[in-house]
N, C-alpha and C. Protein backbone atom coordinates (compact mmCIF):
# COMPACT_ATOMS: atom_id res chain seq x y z
N MET A 1 0.82 -1.19 0.00
CA MET A 1 0.00 0.00 0.00
C MET A 1 0.86 1.26 0.00
N HIS A 2 2.02 1.18 0.61
CA HIS A 2 2.97 2.30 0.68
C HIS A 2 3.31 2.80 -0.73
N ALA A 3 3.70 1.90 -1.61
CA ALA A 3 4.09 2.27 -2.98
C ALA A 3 2.93 2.88 -3.74
N GLU A 4 1.74 2.34 -3.55
CA GLU A 4 0.56 2.84 -4.26
C GLU A 4 0.20 4.26 -3.80
N ASN A 5 0.35 4.54 -2.51
CA ASN A 5 0.10 5.89 -2.00
C ASN A 5 1.08 6.89 -2.61
N LEU A 6 2.35 6.52 -2.64
CA LEU A 6 3.37 7.37 -3.23
C LEU A 6 3.10 7.58 -4.72
N LEU A 7 2.74 6.51 -5.41
CA LEU A 7 2.43 6.60 -6.83
C LEU A 7 1.29 7.59 -7.09
N LYS A 8 0.26 7.54 -6.28
CA LYS A 8 -0.89 8.45 -6.44
C LYS A 8 -0.45 9.90 -6.26
N ILE A 9 0.40 10.15 -5.29
CA ILE A 9 0.93 11.50 -5.07
C ILE A 9 1.68 11.97 -6.31
N VAL A 10 2.56 11.13 -6.83
CA VAL A 10 3.35 11.47 -8.01
C VAL A 10 2.44 11.77 -9.20
N GLN A 11 1.49 10.90 -9.47
CA GLN A 11 0.59 11.08 -10.60
C GLN A 11 -0.21 12.37 -10.47
N ASP A 12 -0.71 12.65 -9.29
CA ASP A 12 -1.52 13.85 -9.07
C ASP A 12 -0.70 15.13 -9.28
N VAL A 13 0.50 15.16 -8.73
CA VAL A 13 1.34 16.35 -8.88
C VAL A 13 1.72 16.57 -10.34
N LEU A 14 2.12 15.51 -11.02
CA LEU A 14 2.51 15.66 -12.43
C LEU A 14 1.33 16.15 -13.28
N ASP A 15 0.16 15.63 -13.00
CA ASP A 15 -1.04 16.06 -13.73
C ASP A 15 -1.38 17.52 -13.40
N ASP A 16 -1.34 17.88 -12.14
CA ASP A 16 -1.64 19.25 -11.71
C ASP A 16 -0.67 20.26 -12.30
N ARG A 17 0.57 19.85 -12.49
CA ARG A 17 1.62 20.76 -12.97
C ARG A 17 1.82 20.66 -14.48
N LYS A 18 0.84 20.13 -15.17
CA LYS A 18 0.81 20.11 -16.64
C LYS A 18 1.87 19.22 -17.29
N GLY A 19 2.22 18.13 -16.60
CA GLY A 19 3.08 17.14 -17.23
C GLY A 19 2.32 16.50 -18.39
N GLN A 20 3.00 16.19 -19.45
CA GLN A 20 2.37 15.64 -20.64
C GLN A 20 2.67 14.15 -20.80
N ASP A 21 1.74 13.45 -21.40
CA ASP A 21 1.90 12.02 -21.74
C ASP A 21 2.43 11.22 -20.55
N ILE A 22 1.73 11.29 -19.44
CA ILE A 22 2.14 10.59 -18.21
C ILE A 22 1.83 9.10 -18.35
N VAL A 23 2.84 8.28 -18.21
CA VAL A 23 2.69 6.83 -18.32
C VAL A 23 3.26 6.19 -17.05
N THR A 24 2.48 5.31 -16.44
CA THR A 24 2.93 4.58 -15.26
C THR A 24 3.18 3.13 -15.65
N MET A 25 4.36 2.65 -15.29
CA MET A 25 4.72 1.27 -15.60
C MET A 25 4.93 0.50 -14.30
N ASP A 26 4.21 -0.59 -14.14
CA ASP A 26 4.38 -1.48 -13.00
C ASP A 26 5.53 -2.43 -13.35
N VAL A 27 6.66 -2.26 -12.68
CA VAL A 27 7.83 -3.08 -12.99
C VAL A 27 8.14 -4.07 -11.88
N GLN A 28 7.17 -4.33 -11.01
CA GLN A 28 7.34 -5.34 -9.98
C GLN A 28 7.56 -6.69 -10.67
N GLY A 29 8.54 -7.40 -10.24
CA GLY A 29 8.85 -8.69 -10.86
C GLY A 29 9.82 -8.55 -12.03
N LYS A 30 10.01 -7.34 -12.55
CA LYS A 30 10.96 -7.11 -13.64
C LYS A 30 12.27 -6.54 -13.12
N THR A 31 12.21 -5.91 -11.94
CA THR A 31 13.39 -5.32 -11.33
C THR A 31 13.25 -5.34 -9.82
N SER A 32 14.36 -5.31 -9.13
CA SER A 32 14.33 -5.34 -7.67
C SER A 32 14.52 -3.95 -7.05
N PHE A 33 14.79 -2.94 -7.86
CA PHE A 33 15.11 -1.63 -7.28
C PHE A 33 13.93 -0.67 -7.18
N THR A 34 12.80 -0.99 -7.78
CA THR A 34 11.62 -0.12 -7.68
C THR A 34 10.37 -0.92 -8.05
N ASP A 35 9.22 -0.39 -7.68
CA ASP A 35 7.95 -1.03 -8.05
C ASP A 35 7.31 -0.37 -9.25
N TYR A 36 7.46 0.95 -9.36
CA TYR A 36 6.82 1.69 -10.46
C TYR A 36 7.78 2.69 -11.07
N MET A 37 7.67 2.86 -12.37
CA MET A 37 8.36 3.93 -13.09
C MET A 37 7.29 4.80 -13.71
N VAL A 38 7.48 6.09 -13.58
CA VAL A 38 6.54 7.04 -14.17
C VAL A 38 7.31 7.87 -15.19
N LEU A 39 6.82 7.87 -16.42
CA LEU A 39 7.40 8.69 -17.48
C LEU A 39 6.52 9.91 -17.66
N VAL A 40 7.14 11.06 -17.81
CA VAL A 40 6.39 12.29 -18.06
C VAL A 40 7.21 13.16 -19.00
N THR A 41 6.52 13.81 -19.91
CA THR A 41 7.17 14.73 -20.84
C THR A 41 6.95 16.15 -20.37
N GLY A 42 8.01 16.94 -20.40
CA GLY A 42 7.95 18.36 -20.07
C GLY A 42 8.22 19.17 -21.32
N THR A 43 7.81 20.42 -21.30
CA THR A 43 7.93 21.28 -22.47
C THR A 43 9.28 21.96 -22.60
N SER A 44 10.06 21.98 -21.51
CA SER A 44 11.38 22.61 -21.51
C SER A 44 12.18 22.05 -20.34
N ASP A 45 13.47 22.41 -20.30
CA ASP A 45 14.28 21.94 -19.16
C ASP A 45 13.78 22.56 -17.86
N ARG A 46 13.28 23.78 -17.89
CA ARG A 46 12.72 24.40 -16.69
C ARG A 46 11.45 23.68 -16.23
N HIS A 47 10.64 23.26 -17.19
CA HIS A 47 9.42 22.53 -16.84
C HIS A 47 9.78 21.19 -16.21
N LEU A 48 10.77 20.50 -16.75
CA LEU A 48 11.21 19.22 -16.18
C LEU A 48 11.67 19.41 -14.73
N LYS A 49 12.49 20.43 -14.51
CA LYS A 49 13.00 20.71 -13.16
C LYS A 49 11.86 21.05 -12.22
N SER A 50 10.92 21.84 -12.69
CA SER A 50 9.76 22.23 -11.89
C SER A 50 8.91 21.02 -11.52
N LEU A 51 8.64 20.15 -12.49
CA LEU A 51 7.85 18.94 -12.22
C LEU A 51 8.49 18.13 -11.10
N CYS A 52 9.79 17.89 -11.21
CA CYS A 52 10.49 17.07 -10.21
C CYS A 52 10.57 17.77 -8.86
N SER A 53 10.74 19.08 -8.86
CA SER A 53 10.79 19.83 -7.61
C SER A 53 9.46 19.75 -6.86
N TYR A 54 8.36 19.89 -7.59
CA TYR A 54 7.04 19.81 -6.96
C TYR A 54 6.75 18.40 -6.45
N VAL A 55 7.13 17.38 -7.21
CA VAL A 55 6.93 16.01 -6.74
C VAL A 55 7.76 15.76 -5.49
N ASP A 56 9.02 16.19 -5.50
CA ASP A 56 9.90 16.04 -4.35
C ASP A 56 9.29 16.70 -3.11
N ALA A 57 8.84 17.94 -3.26
CA ALA A 57 8.27 18.68 -2.13
C ALA A 57 7.01 18.01 -1.58
N LYS A 58 6.13 17.57 -2.46
CA LYS A 58 4.89 16.94 -2.02
C LYS A 58 5.18 15.59 -1.34
N ALA A 59 6.12 14.83 -1.88
CA ALA A 59 6.50 13.55 -1.28
C ALA A 59 7.03 13.77 0.14
N ARG A 60 7.88 14.76 0.31
CA ARG A 60 8.42 15.08 1.64
C ARG A 60 7.30 15.51 2.59
N GLU A 61 6.39 16.32 2.07
CA GLU A 61 5.26 16.79 2.87
C GLU A 61 4.41 15.62 3.38
N GLU A 62 4.32 14.57 2.57
CA GLU A 62 3.51 13.40 2.92
C GLU A 62 4.31 12.34 3.68
N GLY A 63 5.58 12.64 4.01
CA GLY A 63 6.37 11.73 4.83
C GLY A 63 7.27 10.77 4.07
N PHE A 64 7.38 10.94 2.77
CA PHE A 64 8.27 10.09 1.96
C PHE A 64 9.59 10.82 1.78
N LYS A 65 10.69 10.07 1.83
CA LYS A 65 12.01 10.68 1.69
C LYS A 65 12.61 10.32 0.33
N PRO A 66 12.70 11.30 -0.57
CA PRO A 66 13.35 11.04 -1.85
C PRO A 66 14.80 10.60 -1.67
N LEU A 67 15.25 9.67 -2.50
CA LEU A 67 16.60 9.14 -2.39
C LEU A 67 17.62 9.93 -3.19
N GLY A 68 17.16 10.61 -4.24
CA GLY A 68 18.11 11.39 -5.03
C GLY A 68 17.52 11.84 -6.35
N THR A 69 18.25 12.75 -6.98
CA THR A 69 17.86 13.30 -8.28
C THR A 69 19.09 13.34 -9.17
N GLU A 70 18.91 13.02 -10.42
CA GLU A 70 19.97 13.12 -11.42
C GLU A 70 19.48 14.02 -12.53
N GLY A 71 20.33 14.94 -12.97
CA GLY A 71 19.96 15.89 -14.02
C GLY A 71 19.54 17.20 -13.38
N ASP A 72 19.61 18.27 -14.15
CA ASP A 72 19.29 19.59 -13.63
C ASP A 72 18.94 20.49 -14.81
N LEU A 73 18.85 21.79 -14.56
CA LEU A 73 18.57 22.71 -15.66
C LEU A 73 19.57 22.49 -16.78
N GLY A 74 19.11 22.49 -17.99
CA GLY A 74 19.96 22.21 -19.14
C GLY A 74 19.93 20.75 -19.54
N SER A 75 19.33 19.90 -18.71
CA SER A 75 19.22 18.47 -19.02
C SER A 75 17.92 18.21 -19.77
N ASP A 76 17.94 17.23 -20.63
CA ASP A 76 16.70 16.84 -21.31
C ASP A 76 16.07 15.62 -20.64
N TRP A 77 16.65 15.21 -19.49
CA TRP A 77 16.13 14.07 -18.74
C TRP A 77 16.49 14.26 -17.28
N ILE A 78 15.50 14.26 -16.43
CA ILE A 78 15.73 14.33 -14.99
C ILE A 78 15.10 13.10 -14.35
N LEU A 79 15.87 12.41 -13.54
CA LEU A 79 15.40 11.23 -12.84
C LEU A 79 15.25 11.57 -11.37
N LEU A 80 14.06 11.31 -10.83
CA LEU A 80 13.79 11.51 -9.41
C LEU A 80 13.53 10.14 -8.79
N ASP A 81 14.41 9.73 -7.88
CA ASP A 81 14.31 8.42 -7.25
C ASP A 81 13.61 8.56 -5.90
N LEU A 82 12.41 8.00 -5.83
CA LEU A 82 11.63 8.02 -4.60
C LEU A 82 11.58 6.63 -3.95
N GLY A 83 12.46 5.75 -4.38
CA GLY A 83 12.48 4.39 -3.84
C GLY A 83 11.50 3.49 -4.57
N ASP A 84 10.28 3.42 -4.07
CA ASP A 84 9.26 2.56 -4.68
C ASP A 84 8.76 3.10 -6.01
N VAL A 85 9.01 4.38 -6.27
CA VAL A 85 8.59 5.03 -7.52
C VAL A 85 9.77 5.83 -8.05
N ILE A 86 10.06 5.65 -9.33
CA ILE A 86 11.09 6.44 -10.00
C ILE A 86 10.40 7.26 -11.09
N VAL A 87 10.67 8.56 -11.09
CA VAL A 87 10.10 9.46 -12.09
C VAL A 87 11.17 9.79 -13.12
N HIS A 88 10.82 9.59 -14.39
CA HIS A 88 11.67 9.98 -15.51
C HIS A 88 10.98 11.14 -16.20
N ALA A 89 11.46 12.36 -15.96
CA ALA A 89 10.92 13.55 -16.61
C ALA A 89 11.83 13.87 -17.79
N MET A 90 11.26 13.86 -19.00
CA MET A 90 12.07 13.97 -20.21
C MET A 90 11.44 14.94 -21.21
N THR A 91 12.29 15.51 -22.05
CA THR A 91 11.76 16.26 -23.18
C THR A 91 11.21 15.26 -24.18
N ALA A 92 10.40 15.73 -25.10
CA ALA A 92 9.83 14.84 -26.12
C ALA A 92 10.93 14.17 -26.94
N GLN A 93 11.98 14.92 -27.27
CA GLN A 93 13.08 14.37 -28.07
C GLN A 93 13.82 13.26 -27.32
N ALA A 94 14.10 13.47 -26.05
CA ALA A 94 14.79 12.45 -25.24
C ALA A 94 13.91 11.23 -25.08
N ARG A 95 12.64 11.45 -24.86
CA ARG A 95 11.72 10.33 -24.67
C ARG A 95 11.64 9.48 -25.93
N GLU A 96 11.60 10.13 -27.07
CA GLU A 96 11.57 9.41 -28.35
C GLU A 96 12.88 8.65 -28.57
N TYR A 97 13.98 9.24 -28.22
CA TYR A 97 15.28 8.62 -28.44
C TYR A 97 15.50 7.40 -27.55
N TYR A 98 15.20 7.52 -26.25
CA TYR A 98 15.51 6.45 -25.30
C TYR A 98 14.47 5.35 -25.23
N GLN A 99 13.23 5.64 -25.60
CA GLN A 99 12.18 4.61 -25.68
C GLN A 99 12.07 3.75 -24.41
N LEU A 100 12.04 4.38 -23.24
CA LEU A 100 11.98 3.63 -21.99
C LEU A 100 10.68 2.80 -21.87
N LYS A 101 9.61 3.34 -22.37
CA LYS A 101 8.34 2.59 -22.31
C LYS A 101 8.46 1.28 -23.07
N LYS A 102 9.03 1.33 -24.24
CA LYS A 102 9.21 0.13 -25.05
C LYS A 102 10.16 -0.85 -24.35
N LEU A 103 11.20 -0.33 -23.73
CA LEU A 103 12.18 -1.17 -23.04
C LEU A 103 11.56 -1.92 -21.85
N TRP A 104 10.77 -1.22 -21.03
CA TRP A 104 10.25 -1.81 -19.80
C TRP A 104 8.89 -2.49 -19.95
N MET A 105 8.17 -2.22 -21.01
CA MET A 105 6.82 -2.78 -21.16
C MET A 105 6.83 -4.11 -21.94
N VAL A 106 7.98 -4.68 -22.13
CA VAL A 106 8.10 -5.95 -22.87
C VAL A 106 7.47 -7.07 -22.09
């Protein structure tokens, strides 16, 4: 239930903050390091940073401790590690190039 609560927080914040093409992947049984991966497209590097900052703040507010973030302004991909949920915030170009949905949804 812990992971599902965190996932709902992530999905709600990304939707509220105008994240585009939000996709949730249940990767339980496919990997041991997380239960869910959430892909979201942002319109710019500032939008990506903003999305992750708001998710981080809301998770902390709800008692979840983020484990780390990779990428920053100027990046076309920011990864926010929340333990049970990992957020991949990407530009449309990066998302098309890396095809994470295709990789993990096999």
